[in-house]
Amino acid sequence: MDEKLTQIKTIEGNVDSLKTDLHSRKKRWRQFRSHIADMTNTCFDGFLDKKGSTGEVEFDHDKGQLNLVVQKDRKDESSQTKDVKALSGGERSFTTLSLLLAIGESLETPFRVMDEFD
């Protein structure tokens, strides 16, 4: 009986250690995910800035959604849109390419190949 009680206490200790480790891993994963979102947002805005535009990538991790806010003219706030479909074909293609490049930069992939990205 004493041997089994000792085994149970050992197992309970292992379970507590695993719960603590899981909590720590989830916290670090959220921090990493937030860092990737911030880096993607910064790179996306940087790529759009090359054409005089500005933009933001809104990550909604709870809903699993990614939304884009694009301002065609960095100086004119009235040109801001959340509906990418409202952009012209060239603007939409440039925005899509900027997003893909920003994601690639933030994930630090060693190789990137694109074919018919839009």
N, C-alpha and C. Protein backbone atom coordinates (compact mmCIF):
# COMPACT_ATOMS: atom_id res chain seq x y z
N MET A 1 0.82 -1.19 0.00
CA MET A 1 0.00 0.00 0.00
C MET A 1 0.87 1.26 0.00
N ASP A 2 1.90 1.26 0.84
CA ASP A 2 2.79 2.42 0.91
C ASP A 2 3.49 2.66 -0.42
N GLU A 3 3.87 1.59 -1.07
CA GLU A 3 4.53 1.71 -2.38
C GLU A 3 3.60 2.34 -3.41
N LYS A 4 2.36 1.95 -3.41
CA LYS A 4 1.39 2.52 -4.36
C LYS A 4 1.11 3.99 -4.04
N LEU A 5 1.04 4.34 -2.77
CA LEU A 5 0.84 5.73 -2.40
C LEU A 5 2.03 6.59 -2.85
N THR A 6 3.21 6.05 -2.76
CA THR A 6 4.40 6.74 -3.22
C THR A 6 4.35 6.94 -4.73
N GLN A 7 3.92 5.93 -5.45
CA GLN A 7 3.78 6.04 -6.91
C GLN A 7 2.74 7.10 -7.28
N ILE A 8 1.64 7.13 -6.53
CA ILE A 8 0.59 8.12 -6.80
C ILE A 8 1.13 9.53 -6.58
N LYS A 9 1.89 9.74 -5.50
CA LYS A 9 2.46 11.06 -5.23
C LYS A 9 3.45 11.45 -6.32
N THR A 10 4.22 10.49 -6.82
CA THR A 10 5.16 10.76 -7.91
C THR A 10 4.40 11.17 -9.17
N ILE A 11 3.35 10.44 -9.46
CA ILE A 11 2.53 10.75 -10.65
C ILE A 11 1.89 12.13 -10.50
N GLU A 12 1.36 12.45 -9.33
CA GLU A 12 0.76 13.76 -9.11
C GLU A 12 1.80 14.87 -9.27
N GLY A 13 3.01 14.63 -8.80
CA GLY A 13 4.09 15.60 -8.99
C GLY A 13 4.41 15.80 -10.45
N ASN A 14 4.43 14.69 -11.22
CA ASN A 14 4.67 14.78 -12.66
C ASN A 14 3.57 15.56 -13.36
N VAL A 15 2.32 15.32 -12.96
CA VAL A 15 1.19 16.03 -13.56
C VAL A 15 1.30 17.53 -13.27
N ASP A 16 1.64 17.89 -12.04
CA ASP A 16 1.81 19.31 -11.70
C ASP A 16 2.94 19.94 -12.52
N SER A 17 4.03 19.21 -12.68
CA SER A 17 5.16 19.72 -13.47
C SER A 17 4.75 19.92 -14.93
N LEU A 18 3.99 18.97 -15.46
CA LEU A 18 3.53 19.08 -16.85
C LEU A 18 2.57 20.25 -17.02
N LYS A 19 1.69 20.48 -16.05
CA LYS A 19 0.77 21.62 -16.13
C LYS A 19 1.53 22.93 -16.11
N THR A 20 2.54 23.03 -15.25
CA THR A 20 3.36 24.24 -15.18
C THR A 20 4.10 24.46 -16.49
N ASP A 21 4.67 23.38 -17.02
CA ASP A 21 5.39 23.47 -18.29
C ASP A 21 4.45 23.89 -19.43
N LEU A 22 3.26 23.32 -19.47
CA LEU A 22 2.28 23.67 -20.51
C LEU A 22 1.91 25.15 -20.42
N HIS A 23 1.69 25.63 -19.22
CA HIS A 23 1.35 27.05 -19.03
C HIS A 23 2.49 27.94 -19.53
N SER A 24 3.70 27.57 -19.19
CA SER A 24 4.87 28.34 -19.63
C SER A 24 5.02 28.33 -21.14
N ARG A 25 4.83 27.17 -21.76
CA ARG A 25 4.93 27.06 -23.21
C ARG A 25 3.86 27.88 -23.91
N LYS A 26 2.63 27.86 -23.40
CA LYS A 26 1.55 28.66 -24.00
C LYS A 26 1.86 30.14 -23.91
N LYS A 27 2.42 30.57 -22.78
CA LYS A 27 2.78 31.97 -22.61
C LYS A 27 3.85 32.38 -23.61
N ARG A 28 4.89 31.56 -23.76
CA ARG A 28 5.94 31.86 -24.72
C ARG A 28 5.41 31.82 -26.15
N TRP A 29 4.49 30.90 -26.46
CA TRP A 29 3.90 30.81 -27.79
C TRP A 29 3.11 32.07 -28.11
N ARG A 30 2.34 32.58 -27.12
CA ARG A 30 1.58 33.82 -27.34
C ARG A 30 2.52 34.99 -27.58
N GLN A 31 3.62 35.04 -26.83
CA GLN A 31 4.60 36.11 -27.03
C GLN A 31 5.22 36.01 -28.43
N PHE A 32 5.56 34.81 -28.85
CA PHE A 32 6.14 34.60 -30.18
C PHE A 32 5.15 34.98 -31.27
N ARG A 33 3.90 34.58 -31.10
CA ARG A 33 2.85 34.90 -32.06
C ARG A 33 2.65 36.41 -32.15
N SER A 34 2.69 37.08 -31.02
CA SER A 34 2.56 38.54 -31.00
C SER A 34 3.75 39.20 -31.69
N HIS A 35 4.94 38.66 -31.48
CA HIS A 35 6.14 39.20 -32.13
C HIS A 35 6.03 39.05 -33.66
N ILE A 36 5.58 37.90 -34.12
CA ILE A 36 5.42 37.68 -35.56
C ILE A 36 4.39 38.66 -36.13
N ALA A 37 3.30 38.87 -35.41
CA ALA A 37 2.27 39.82 -35.87
C ALA A 37 2.85 41.23 -35.95
N ASP A 38 3.61 41.63 -34.95
CA ASP A 38 4.21 42.98 -34.97
C ASP A 38 5.21 43.13 -36.12
N MET A 39 6.04 42.12 -36.32
CA MET A 39 7.03 42.17 -37.39
C MET A 39 6.34 42.20 -38.76
N THR A 40 5.30 41.41 -38.93
CA THR A 40 4.56 41.39 -40.18
C THR A 40 3.93 42.75 -40.45
N ASN A 41 3.36 43.33 -39.42
CA ASN A 41 2.73 44.64 -39.55
C ASN A 41 3.76 45.71 -39.95
N THR A 42 4.92 45.69 -39.31
CA THR A 42 5.97 46.66 -39.61
C THR A 42 6.49 46.50 -41.05
N CYS A 43 6.74 45.25 -41.44
CA CYS A 43 7.23 45.00 -42.81
C CYS A 43 6.19 45.36 -43.86
N PHE A 44 4.93 45.04 -43.59
CA PHE A 44 3.84 45.34 -44.52
C PHE A 44 3.77 46.86 -44.75
N ASP A 45 3.80 47.62 -43.67
CA ASP A 45 3.76 49.07 -43.80
C ASP A 45 5.00 49.58 -44.53
N GLY A 46 6.14 48.97 -44.28
CA GLY A 46 7.37 49.37 -44.97
C GLY A 46 7.31 49.14 -46.46
N PHE A 47 6.77 48.00 -46.87
CA PHE A 47 6.64 47.71 -48.30
C PHE A 47 5.65 48.67 -48.97
N LEU A 48 4.53 48.94 -48.30
CA LEU A 48 3.55 49.87 -48.87
C LEU A 48 4.11 51.29 -48.94
N ASP A 49 4.98 51.61 -48.01
CA ASP A 49 5.57 52.95 -47.97
C ASP A 49 6.40 53.24 -49.21
N LYS A 50 6.90 52.21 -49.86
CA LYS A 50 7.71 52.39 -51.06
C LYS A 50 6.91 53.02 -52.20
N LYS A 51 5.57 52.88 -52.14
CA LYS A 51 4.71 53.50 -53.17
C LYS A 51 3.91 54.67 -52.61
N GLY A 52 4.29 55.15 -51.42
CA GLY A 52 3.61 56.30 -50.83
C GLY A 52 2.32 55.94 -50.11
N SER A 53 2.12 54.66 -49.85
CA SER A 53 0.92 54.22 -49.13
C SER A 53 1.32 53.83 -47.71
N THR A 54 0.34 53.50 -46.94
CA THR A 54 0.59 52.98 -45.60
C THR A 54 -0.46 51.92 -45.32
N GLY A 55 -0.18 51.05 -44.39
CA GLY A 55 -1.13 49.99 -44.11
C GLY A 55 -0.86 49.31 -42.79
N GLU A 56 -1.82 48.50 -42.41
CA GLU A 56 -1.73 47.78 -41.15
C GLU A 56 -2.35 46.40 -41.33
N VAL A 57 -1.74 45.42 -40.71
CA VAL A 57 -2.29 44.07 -40.69
C VAL A 57 -2.89 43.86 -39.31
N GLU A 58 -4.17 43.61 -39.25
CA GLU A 58 -4.85 43.37 -37.98
C GLU A 58 -5.04 41.87 -37.79
N PHE A 59 -4.35 41.32 -36.83
CA PHE A 59 -4.46 39.90 -36.51
C PHE A 59 -5.50 39.72 -35.41
N ASP A 60 -6.49 38.90 -35.66
CA ASP A 60 -7.46 38.53 -34.62
C ASP A 60 -7.24 37.05 -34.34
N HIS A 61 -6.39 36.79 -33.36
CA HIS A 61 -6.00 35.40 -33.06
C HIS A 61 -7.16 34.59 -32.50
N ASP A 62 -8.05 35.26 -31.78
CA ASP A 62 -9.18 34.53 -31.19
C ASP A 62 -10.12 34.00 -32.27
N LYS A 63 -10.38 34.83 -33.30
CA LYS A 63 -11.29 34.42 -34.37
C LYS A 63 -10.56 33.75 -35.53
N GLY A 64 -9.23 33.80 -35.51
CA GLY A 64 -8.45 33.22 -36.61
C GLY A 64 -8.58 34.03 -37.89
N GLN A 65 -8.62 35.36 -37.75
CA GLN A 65 -8.80 36.22 -38.92
C GLN A 65 -7.63 37.18 -39.07
N LEU A 66 -7.42 37.58 -40.30
CA LEU A 66 -6.40 38.56 -40.65
C LEU A 66 -7.08 39.62 -41.50
N ASN A 67 -7.03 40.87 -41.07
CA ASN A 67 -7.68 41.95 -41.79
C ASN A 67 -6.64 42.99 -42.18
N LEU A 68 -6.81 43.58 -43.34
CA LEU A 68 -5.89 44.60 -43.82
C LEU A 68 -6.57 45.96 -43.82
N VAL A 69 -5.81 46.96 -43.41
CA VAL A 69 -6.24 48.35 -43.51
C VAL A 69 -5.20 49.03 -44.37
N VAL A 70 -5.63 49.59 -45.50
CA VAL A 70 -4.71 50.21 -46.44
C VAL A 70 -5.13 51.65 -46.66
N GLN A 71 -4.14 52.53 -46.61
CA GLN A 71 -4.36 53.94 -46.91
C GLN A 71 -3.56 54.24 -48.16
N LYS A 72 -4.25 54.50 -49.28
CA LYS A 72 -3.59 54.67 -50.58
C LYS A 72 -2.57 55.79 -50.56
N ASP A 73 -2.95 56.92 -49.97
CA ASP A 73 -2.04 58.06 -49.89
C ASP A 73 -1.72 58.29 -48.41
N ARG A 74 -0.47 58.19 -48.07
CA ARG A 74 -0.05 58.27 -46.67
C ARG A 74 -0.46 59.60 -46.03
N LYS A 75 -0.63 60.66 -46.83
CA LYS A 75 -0.97 61.99 -46.31
C LYS A 75 -2.47 62.23 -46.27
N ASP A 76 -3.25 61.41 -46.92
CA ASP A 76 -4.70 61.61 -47.03
C ASP A 76 -5.43 60.49 -46.30
N GLU A 77 -5.89 60.77 -45.07
CA GLU A 77 -6.56 59.74 -44.28
C GLU A 77 -7.90 59.30 -44.87
N SER A 78 -8.49 60.12 -45.73
CA SER A 78 -9.77 59.75 -46.33
C SER A 78 -9.60 58.63 -47.37
N SER A 79 -8.35 58.34 -47.76
CA SER A 79 -8.11 57.26 -48.72
C SER A 79 -7.95 55.91 -48.03
N GLN A 80 -8.20 55.86 -46.73
CA GLN A 80 -8.05 54.62 -45.97
C GLN A 80 -9.24 53.71 -46.21
N THR A 81 -8.95 52.42 -46.39
CA THR A 81 -10.03 51.45 -46.59
C THR A 81 -9.69 50.13 -45.91
N LYS A 82 -10.73 49.50 -45.38
CA LYS A 82 -10.56 48.16 -44.80
C LYS A 82 -10.99 47.09 -45.80
N ASP A 83 -11.63 47.52 -46.87
CA ASP A 83 -12.09 46.60 -47.90
C ASP A 83 -11.09 46.59 -49.05
N VAL A 84 -10.30 45.54 -49.12
CA VAL A 84 -9.26 45.45 -50.15
C VAL A 84 -9.89 45.38 -51.54
N LYS A 85 -11.12 44.93 -51.62
CA LYS A 85 -11.80 44.85 -52.91
C LYS A 85 -12.07 46.23 -53.50
N ALA A 86 -12.01 47.26 -52.65
CA ALA A 86 -12.25 48.62 -53.13
C ALA A 86 -11.00 49.20 -53.83
N LEU A 87 -9.88 48.51 -53.72
CA LEU A 87 -8.66 48.97 -54.38
C LEU A 87 -8.69 48.61 -55.86
N SER A 88 -7.92 49.35 -56.65
CA SER A 88 -7.83 49.00 -58.07
C SER A 88 -7.03 47.71 -58.21
N GLY A 89 -7.03 47.15 -59.38
CA GLY A 89 -6.33 45.88 -59.61
C GLY A 89 -4.85 45.96 -59.28
N GLY A 90 -4.19 47.03 -59.73
CA GLY A 90 -2.77 47.18 -59.45
C GLY A 90 -2.50 47.41 -57.97
N GLU A 91 -3.35 48.21 -57.32
CA GLU A 91 -3.19 48.45 -55.88
C GLU A 91 -3.42 47.17 -55.09
N ARG A 92 -4.40 46.39 -55.50
CA ARG A 92 -4.68 45.13 -54.83
C ARG A 92 -3.52 44.16 -55.00
N SER A 93 -2.97 44.08 -56.20
CA SER A 93 -1.82 43.20 -56.45
C SER A 93 -0.62 43.62 -55.62
N PHE A 94 -0.35 44.94 -55.57
CA PHE A 94 0.78 45.43 -54.79
C PHE A 94 0.56 45.16 -53.30
N THR A 95 -0.67 45.34 -52.83
CA THR A 95 -0.99 45.07 -51.43
C THR A 95 -0.81 43.59 -51.11
N THR A 96 -1.28 42.72 -51.99
CA THR A 96 -1.13 41.28 -51.80
C THR A 96 0.33 40.89 -51.77
N LEU A 97 1.09 41.39 -52.70
CA LEU A 97 2.52 41.09 -52.74
C LEU A 97 3.22 41.62 -51.49
N SER A 98 2.85 42.81 -51.05
CA SER A 98 3.44 43.38 -49.83
C SER A 98 3.13 42.51 -48.62
N LEU A 99 1.90 42.01 -48.54
CA LEU A 99 1.53 41.14 -47.43
C LEU A 99 2.33 39.84 -47.47
N LEU A 100 2.43 39.23 -48.64
CA LEU A 100 3.18 37.98 -48.75
C LEU A 100 4.65 38.17 -48.41
N LEU A 101 5.23 39.25 -48.87
CA LEU A 101 6.63 39.52 -48.55
C LEU A 101 6.81 39.80 -47.06
N ALA A 102 5.87 40.51 -46.47
CA ALA A 102 5.95 40.81 -45.04
C ALA A 102 5.84 39.54 -44.20
N ILE A 103 4.94 38.65 -44.58
CA ILE A 103 4.82 37.38 -43.87
C ILE A 103 6.10 36.57 -44.01
N GLY A 104 6.65 36.54 -45.22
CA GLY A 104 7.91 35.83 -45.45
C GLY A 104 9.05 36.40 -44.63
N GLU A 105 9.12 37.72 -44.52
CA GLU A 105 10.17 38.37 -43.73
C GLU A 105 10.04 38.04 -42.25
N SER A 106 8.83 38.09 -41.74
CA SER A 106 8.64 37.88 -40.31
C SER A 106 8.82 36.42 -39.90
N LEU A 107 8.57 35.50 -40.82
CA LEU A 107 8.75 34.08 -40.51
C LEU A 107 10.16 33.59 -40.79
N GLU A 108 10.95 34.45 -41.41
CA GLU A 108 12.35 34.15 -41.71
C GLU A 108 12.51 32.81 -42.44
N THR A 109 11.74 32.63 -43.48
CA THR A 109 11.85 31.41 -44.27
C THR A 109 13.11 31.49 -45.12
N PRO A 110 13.83 30.39 -45.26
CA PRO A 110 15.08 30.43 -46.02
C PRO A 110 14.85 30.59 -47.53
N PHE A 111 13.73 30.09 -48.03
CA PHE A 111 13.43 30.19 -49.46
C PHE A 111 11.99 30.65 -49.62
N ARG A 112 11.79 31.49 -50.64
CA ARG A 112 10.43 31.93 -50.97
C ARG A 112 10.26 31.83 -52.47
N VAL A 113 9.22 31.16 -52.89
CA VAL A 113 8.92 31.03 -54.30
C VAL A 113 7.46 31.43 -54.47
N MET A 114 7.20 32.34 -55.41
CA MET A 114 5.83 32.75 -55.67
C MET A 114 5.49 32.52 -57.12
N ASP A 115 4.30 32.03 -57.33
CA ASP A 115 3.81 31.81 -58.68
C ASP A 115 2.33 32.19 -58.67
N GLU A 116 1.97 33.17 -59.46
CA GLU A 116 0.58 33.62 -59.57
C GLU A 116 0.00 33.91 -58.19
N PHE A 117 0.64 34.84 -57.47
CA PHE A 117 0.27 35.12 -56.09
C PHE A 117 -1.11 35.73 -55.93
N ASP A 118 -1.64 36.35 -56.98
CA ASP A 118 -2.98 36.93 -56.84
C ASP A 118 -3.98 36.12 -57.62
